[in-house]
Protein backbone atom coordinates (compact mmCIF):
# COMPACT_ATOMS: atom_id res chain seq x y z
CA MET A 1 104.94 115.07 74.72
CA THR A 2 101.92 116.66 73.02
CA PRO A 3 99.00 117.80 75.19
CA PRO A 4 96.65 114.92 74.21
CA VAL A 5 99.40 112.36 74.86
CA ALA A 6 100.29 114.05 78.17
CA ALA A 7 96.64 114.00 79.20
CA ARG A 8 96.39 110.29 78.40
CA ALA A 9 99.59 109.61 80.37
CA THR A 10 98.21 111.47 83.38
CA GLN A 11 94.94 109.58 83.21
CA SER A 12 96.87 106.32 82.93
CA ALA A 13 99.03 107.08 85.99
CA ALA A 14 96.03 108.12 88.06
CA SER A 15 93.98 105.13 86.99
CA SER A 16 96.98 102.86 87.67
CA LEU A 17 97.25 104.06 91.26
CA GLN A 18 93.49 104.06 91.67
CA SER A 19 93.22 100.50 90.37
CA ARG A 20 95.69 99.33 93.02
CA LEU A 21 93.57 100.75 95.84
CA LYS A 22 90.99 98.62 97.60
CA ASP A 23 88.92 101.79 97.99
CA PRO A 24 89.53 103.96 94.89
CA SER A 25 87.47 106.78 96.41
CA LEU A 26 90.42 107.63 98.67
CA LEU A 27 92.34 109.09 95.72
CA ARG A 28 90.92 112.62 95.53
CA ASP A 29 91.60 115.46 93.12
CA ARG A 30 89.53 118.16 94.83
CA CYS A 31 89.91 120.20 98.01
CA TYR A 32 87.48 119.90 100.90
CA ILE A 33 85.75 123.06 102.14
CA ASP A 34 82.56 123.23 104.20
CA GLY A 35 81.71 119.59 103.55
CA ALA A 36 82.07 119.84 99.76
CA TRP A 37 84.76 118.71 97.33
CA VAL A 38 85.71 121.83 95.39
CA GLY A 39 88.25 123.26 92.96
CA THR A 40 89.49 122.53 89.46
CA PRO A 41 92.43 120.09 89.22
CA GLU A 42 95.35 121.88 87.56
CA PHE A 43 98.52 121.39 89.66
CA ALA A 44 100.40 118.15 88.99
CA VAL A 45 101.38 115.77 91.80
CA ASN A 46 104.26 113.57 90.66
CA ASN A 47 105.70 110.29 91.83
CA PRO A 48 109.21 111.38 92.95
CA ALA A 49 110.70 107.98 92.13
CA THR A 50 109.52 107.86 88.51
CA GLY A 51 108.62 111.45 87.71
CA VAL A 52 105.24 110.24 86.44
CA GLU A 53 102.31 112.51 87.10
CA LEU A 54 99.90 110.81 89.48
CA ILE A 55 97.01 113.26 89.43
CA LYS A 56 96.22 116.95 89.38
CA ILE A 57 94.89 118.94 92.34
CA PRO A 58 93.36 122.42 92.66
CA GLN A 59 95.51 125.54 92.96
CA LEU A 60 93.33 127.54 95.33
CA SER A 61 93.75 131.21 96.17
CA ALA A 62 93.68 133.46 99.22
CA ASP A 63 89.95 134.00 98.61
CA ASP A 64 89.40 130.25 98.82
CA ALA A 65 91.42 130.15 102.03
CA THR A 66 89.19 132.87 103.45
CA ARG A 67 86.14 130.85 102.45
CA ALA A 68 87.56 127.82 104.27
CA VAL A 69 88.24 129.87 107.40
CA GLU A 70 84.71 131.27 107.35
CA ALA A 71 83.30 127.74 107.00
CA ALA A 72 85.35 126.64 110.00
CA GLU A 73 84.16 129.69 111.94
CA ARG A 74 80.51 128.83 111.24
CA ALA A 75 81.02 125.21 112.26
CA PHE A 76 82.89 126.02 115.46
CA PRO A 77 80.00 126.81 117.87
CA THR A 78 78.14 123.56 117.15
CA TRP A 79 81.27 121.40 117.25
CA ALA A 80 82.50 123.04 120.47
CA LYS A 81 79.14 122.42 122.16
CA LEU A 82 79.32 118.67 121.63
CA THR A 83 80.29 116.74 124.72
CA ALA A 84 83.82 115.43 124.95
CA LYS A 85 82.42 111.92 124.64
CA GLN A 86 80.59 112.75 121.42
CA ARG A 87 83.74 114.18 119.83
CA SER A 88 85.72 111.22 121.15
CA ASN A 89 83.34 108.75 119.52
CA ILE A 90 83.71 110.46 116.14
CA LEU A 91 87.49 110.50 116.39
CA ARG A 92 87.46 106.84 117.35
CA LYS A 93 85.48 106.05 114.19
CA TRP A 94 88.08 108.02 112.21
CA PHE A 95 90.85 105.95 113.81
CA ASP A 96 89.05 102.71 112.98
CA LEU A 97 88.68 103.77 109.34
CA ILE A 98 92.36 104.74 109.09
CA ILE A 99 93.39 101.31 110.38
CA ALA A 100 90.91 99.56 108.09
CA ASN A 101 92.39 101.42 105.11
CA ARG A 102 96.05 101.46 106.20
CA GLU A 103 97.31 99.62 103.11
CA ASP A 104 95.60 102.06 100.74
CA LEU A 105 96.84 105.05 102.73
CA ALA A 106 100.38 103.67 102.69
CA LEU A 107 100.26 103.11 98.93
CA ILE A 108 99.07 106.67 98.36
CA LEU A 109 101.79 107.98 100.69
CA THR A 110 104.55 106.00 98.96
CA SER A 111 103.37 107.05 95.52
CA GLU A 112 103.41 110.78 96.27
CA GLN A 113 106.28 110.98 98.77
CA GLY A 114 108.66 108.22 97.74
CA LYS A 115 109.49 106.49 101.03
CA PRO A 116 109.51 102.66 101.04
CA LEU A 117 106.17 100.98 101.55
CA ALA A 118 107.25 99.50 104.88
CA GLU A 119 108.06 102.99 106.18
CA ALA A 120 104.77 104.30 104.81
CA LEU A 121 102.83 101.59 106.65
CA GLY A 122 104.67 102.53 109.82
CA GLU A 123 103.82 106.21 109.35
CA VAL A 124 100.13 105.41 108.79
CA ASP A 125 100.12 103.41 112.03
CA ILE A 126 101.76 106.31 113.88
CA GLY A 127 99.28 108.74 112.36
CA ALA A 128 96.39 106.55 113.46
CA ALA A 129 97.89 106.33 116.95
CA TYR A 130 97.71 110.12 117.27
CA VAL A 131 94.00 110.00 116.47
CA GLU A 132 93.44 107.17 118.93
CA PHE A 133 95.36 108.93 121.70
CA PHE A 134 93.53 112.23 121.37
CA ALA A 135 90.17 110.51 120.96
CA GLU A 136 90.75 109.10 124.44
CA GLU A 137 92.23 112.32 125.84
CA ALA A 138 89.16 114.24 124.66
CA ARG A 139 87.30 112.74 127.61
CA ARG A 140 89.91 114.00 130.07
CA VAL A 141 90.10 117.74 129.53
CA TYR A 142 89.99 118.65 133.19
CA GLY A 143 89.75 122.05 134.84
CA GLU A 144 91.34 123.26 138.07
CA THR A 145 90.29 124.54 141.47
CA ILE A 146 92.53 127.44 142.48
CA PRO A 147 93.14 128.44 146.13
CA THR A 148 91.80 131.88 146.99
CA GLN A 149 92.49 134.37 149.78
CA ARG A 150 88.77 135.03 150.24
CA PRO A 151 86.79 132.63 152.44
CA ASP A 152 83.57 133.41 150.58
CA ALA A 153 84.93 132.73 147.08
CA ARG A 154 85.96 129.75 145.03
CA LEU A 155 88.06 130.05 141.90
CA LEU A 156 87.58 127.58 139.07
CA ALA A 157 89.42 127.35 135.77
CA ILE A 158 87.86 125.46 132.89
CA ARG A 159 89.45 124.66 129.54
CA GLN A 160 87.57 125.63 126.43
CA PRO A 161 88.37 125.29 122.71
CA ILE A 162 90.23 128.29 121.36
CA GLY A 163 88.42 128.47 118.01
CA VAL A 164 89.49 128.00 114.42
CA CYS A 165 92.98 126.49 114.05
CA GLY A 166 95.17 126.78 110.97
CA ALA A 167 97.64 123.98 110.23
CA ILE A 168 100.48 123.89 107.69
CA THR A 169 102.29 120.58 107.23
CA PRO A 170 105.49 119.46 105.42
CA TRP A 171 106.00 116.93 102.65
CA ASN A 172 108.21 114.41 104.45
CA PHE A 173 105.52 113.00 106.78
CA PRO A 174 102.29 113.68 104.86
CA ASN A 175 100.11 111.43 107.00
CA SER A 176 101.29 111.52 110.61
CA MET A 177 102.04 115.26 110.64
CA ILE A 178 98.42 115.90 109.72
CA THR A 179 96.82 113.70 112.36
CA ARG A 180 99.32 115.03 114.91
CA LYS A 181 98.03 118.57 114.37
CA VAL A 182 94.39 117.96 113.51
CA SER A 183 93.30 115.31 116.02
CA PRO A 184 94.13 117.27 119.21
CA ALA A 185 92.37 120.33 117.80
CA LEU A 186 89.25 118.35 116.93
CA ALA A 187 89.31 116.55 120.28
CA ALA A 188 89.39 119.87 122.13
CA GLY A 189 86.42 121.21 120.16
CA CYS A 190 88.28 123.39 117.66
CA THR A 191 87.72 123.46 113.91
CA VAL A 192 90.59 123.23 111.43
CA VAL A 193 91.78 124.61 108.10
CA LEU A 194 94.73 122.56 106.84
CA LYS A 195 97.25 123.47 104.13
CA PRO A 196 99.32 120.36 103.24
CA ALA A 197 102.51 120.49 101.18
CA ASN A 198 101.83 120.80 97.46
CA GLU A 199 104.19 117.88 96.80
CA THR A 200 102.20 115.50 99.02
CA PRO A 201 98.54 116.52 99.30
CA LEU A 202 96.97 113.16 98.46
CA SER A 203 97.43 111.66 101.92
CA ALA A 204 95.71 114.67 103.46
CA LEU A 205 92.78 114.42 101.06
CA ALA A 206 92.43 110.69 101.75
CA LEU A 207 92.43 111.36 105.50
CA VAL A 208 89.71 113.99 105.28
CA ALA A 209 87.65 111.63 103.09
CA LEU A 210 87.82 109.10 105.94
CA ALA A 211 87.02 111.81 108.50
CA GLU A 212 83.92 112.65 106.48
CA LYS A 213 82.89 108.98 106.56
CA ALA A 214 83.51 108.92 110.31
CA GLY A 215 80.92 111.66 110.80
CA VAL A 216 83.02 114.81 111.19
CA PRO A 217 80.48 117.55 110.36
CA LYS A 218 80.90 119.90 107.44
CA GLY A 219 83.13 122.88 108.09
CA VAL A 220 84.90 121.24 111.01
CA PHE A 221 87.85 119.92 108.98
CA ASN A 222 88.79 121.76 105.77
CA ILE A 223 91.70 121.18 103.40
CA ILE A 224 93.04 123.62 100.82
CA THR A 225 95.89 123.24 98.34
CA GLY A 226 97.53 125.96 96.31
CA ASP A 227 100.00 128.81 96.52
CA ALA A 228 101.44 128.62 100.04
CA PRO A 229 102.41 132.28 100.76
CA PRO A 230 98.95 133.87 100.27
CA ILE A 231 97.18 130.96 101.94
CA GLY A 232 99.55 131.10 104.90
CA LYS A 233 99.01 134.84 105.14
CA VAL A 234 95.25 134.34 105.40
CA LEU A 235 95.67 131.75 108.14
CA CYS A 236 97.97 134.07 110.09
CA GLU A 237 96.05 137.32 109.67
CA HIS A 238 92.36 136.35 109.50
CA PRO A 239 90.78 137.37 112.83
CA ALA A 240 88.71 134.18 113.04
CA VAL A 241 91.83 132.01 113.17
CA ARG A 242 92.98 131.85 116.78
CA PHE A 243 95.90 129.44 116.49
CA VAL A 244 98.34 128.39 113.74
CA GLY A 245 100.48 125.26 113.86
CA PHE A 246 103.37 124.91 111.41
CA THR A 247 106.12 122.38 110.81
CA GLY A 248 108.82 123.41 108.35
CA SER A 249 111.81 125.65 107.84
CA THR A 250 112.96 128.32 110.26
CA GLU A 251 112.89 130.84 107.43
CA VAL A 252 109.19 130.29 106.72
CA GLY A 253 108.46 130.11 110.44
CA LYS A 254 109.82 133.63 110.86
CA ILE A 255 107.51 134.88 108.10
CA LEU A 256 104.49 133.30 109.77
CA TYR A 257 105.59 134.71 113.12
CA ARG A 258 105.63 138.24 111.68
CA GLN A 259 102.26 137.81 110.01
CA ALA A 260 100.63 136.34 113.10
CA SER A 261 101.89 139.24 115.20
CA VAL A 262 99.32 141.49 113.53
CA GLY A 263 96.63 139.93 115.69
CA VAL A 264 98.93 138.64 118.45
CA LYS A 265 97.89 135.15 117.37
CA LYS A 266 99.01 132.01 119.19
CA LEU A 267 101.53 129.91 117.26
CA GLY A 268 102.91 126.40 117.53
CA LEU A 269 106.11 126.19 115.48
CA GLU A 270 108.31 123.15 114.85
CA LEU A 271 111.19 124.64 112.89
CA GLY A 272 114.36 123.36 111.32
CA GLY A 273 116.05 120.36 112.80
CA ASN A 274 119.63 120.07 114.01
CA ALA A 275 119.88 116.56 115.44
CA PRO A 276 122.99 115.65 117.44
CA PHE A 277 123.89 111.97 117.48
CA VAL A 278 125.80 111.31 120.69
CA VAL A 279 127.62 108.05 121.36
CA PHE A 280 129.19 107.48 124.78
CA ASP A 281 132.23 105.32 125.32
CA ASP A 282 130.25 102.54 127.02
CA ALA A 283 127.85 102.19 124.09
CA ASP A 284 127.46 99.20 121.78
CA ILE A 285 129.23 100.67 118.74
CA ASP A 286 127.69 98.24 116.26
CA ALA A 287 124.21 99.13 117.51
CA ALA A 288 125.08 102.84 117.43
CA VAL A 289 126.28 102.63 113.82
CA GLU A 290 123.15 100.72 112.81
CA GLY A 291 120.94 103.29 114.52
CA ALA A 292 122.78 106.21 112.95
CA MET A 293 122.52 104.70 109.48
CA SER A 294 118.83 103.87 109.79
CA ARG A 295 118.04 107.41 110.93
CA SER A 296 120.26 108.97 108.28
CA ILE A 297 118.61 107.25 105.33
CA ALA A 298 115.03 107.16 106.61
CA THR A 299 112.53 109.21 104.58
CA TRP A 300 115.16 109.89 101.91
CA ALA A 301 117.42 111.27 104.68
CA ARG A 302 115.07 114.22 105.06
CA PRO A 303 113.54 114.04 108.54
CA ALA A 304 114.57 116.82 110.90
CA SER A 305 116.02 114.15 113.18
CA ALA A 306 118.41 112.78 110.55
CA PRO A 307 121.93 112.86 112.05
CA THR A 308 125.45 112.72 110.73
CA VAL A 309 128.22 111.28 112.86
CA SER A 310 131.83 112.31 113.54
CA MET A 311 134.53 110.41 115.36
CA PRO A 312 134.91 111.29 119.05
CA ARG A 313 137.25 114.20 119.54
CA THR A 314 136.57 115.28 123.10
CA ARG A 315 136.63 113.37 126.34
CA SER A 316 135.24 114.07 129.78
CA THR A 317 136.39 112.48 133.04
CA THR A 318 133.77 109.76 132.77
CA ARG A 319 132.92 109.26 129.14
CA SER A 320 133.66 110.37 125.62
CA SER A 321 131.12 111.55 123.19
CA ARG A 322 130.80 112.24 119.58
CA SER A 323 128.20 114.43 118.12
CA CYS A 324 127.53 116.68 115.22
CA ARG A 325 124.65 118.65 113.82
CA ARG A 326 122.93 118.32 110.52
CA ARG A 327 121.53 121.43 108.88
CA SER A 328 117.80 121.17 108.51
CA PRO A 329 116.76 120.02 105.02
CA ARG A 330 113.47 121.86 105.29
């Protein structure tokens, strides 16, 4: 395919997806840093079912990641000083917008990730539920009164936001993994720099577009796409970043662990995924088989919880079991 023809094909695919959206503005081809849409689209995002290029996104660098971290650092004091109720109200507006646009978000998710539309709708609902939950929990960040040995002293512990949080999310759940990491951070008063998977960045960009509409201030929620290793290194080693959350392979998790050790940074790692599927001898076998099959083929059989099943080979005094482990696909 010659360059002009390829360009026309890309424009056609993007316009085709955009024309199917009730709100075409949710399909974004720029990153979001400090309240501005930035970057030059150059990296192709393809529909995995057809191989057709949907749109191009920016391929940002470590310098851009540093700029995003610095924007989050500047925004942190003001965001952290808001009352829990004020942050909760903004998150609630974000939740309402996600629900109002669930069909568009599901269509974007299916187009870039490949899971069936029914599964995509379910994931969007789960992702929205995370935002709703933490919007409500934001009002209930309680402290503690600690007993003391001194009669003239009282010890109090209060919880405060830790600072800038880095988040790195996988391709298999491009909507719910983002809200699961971002919404508790925002609820607590932290600011966020998010690096979504290059294969599935469009859901993340649509979510931040809705967060912007909900009133999340500039610099509070930033999204960068591009070369993962240098961006991840910035998130792990920049002194302004106080916490990094990552879901992905154990191999990459070890790399991030080493990099974060430079500043003894806090990490939240969800790595790999060996998922035993255990069936006891008093179970409904038909229901067990149906459950095993649905989990095995969900999300193209690529969630960390996807099991495989073996026939029972051991027996205890009370029940038999069968289980096996599936090597993590990530």
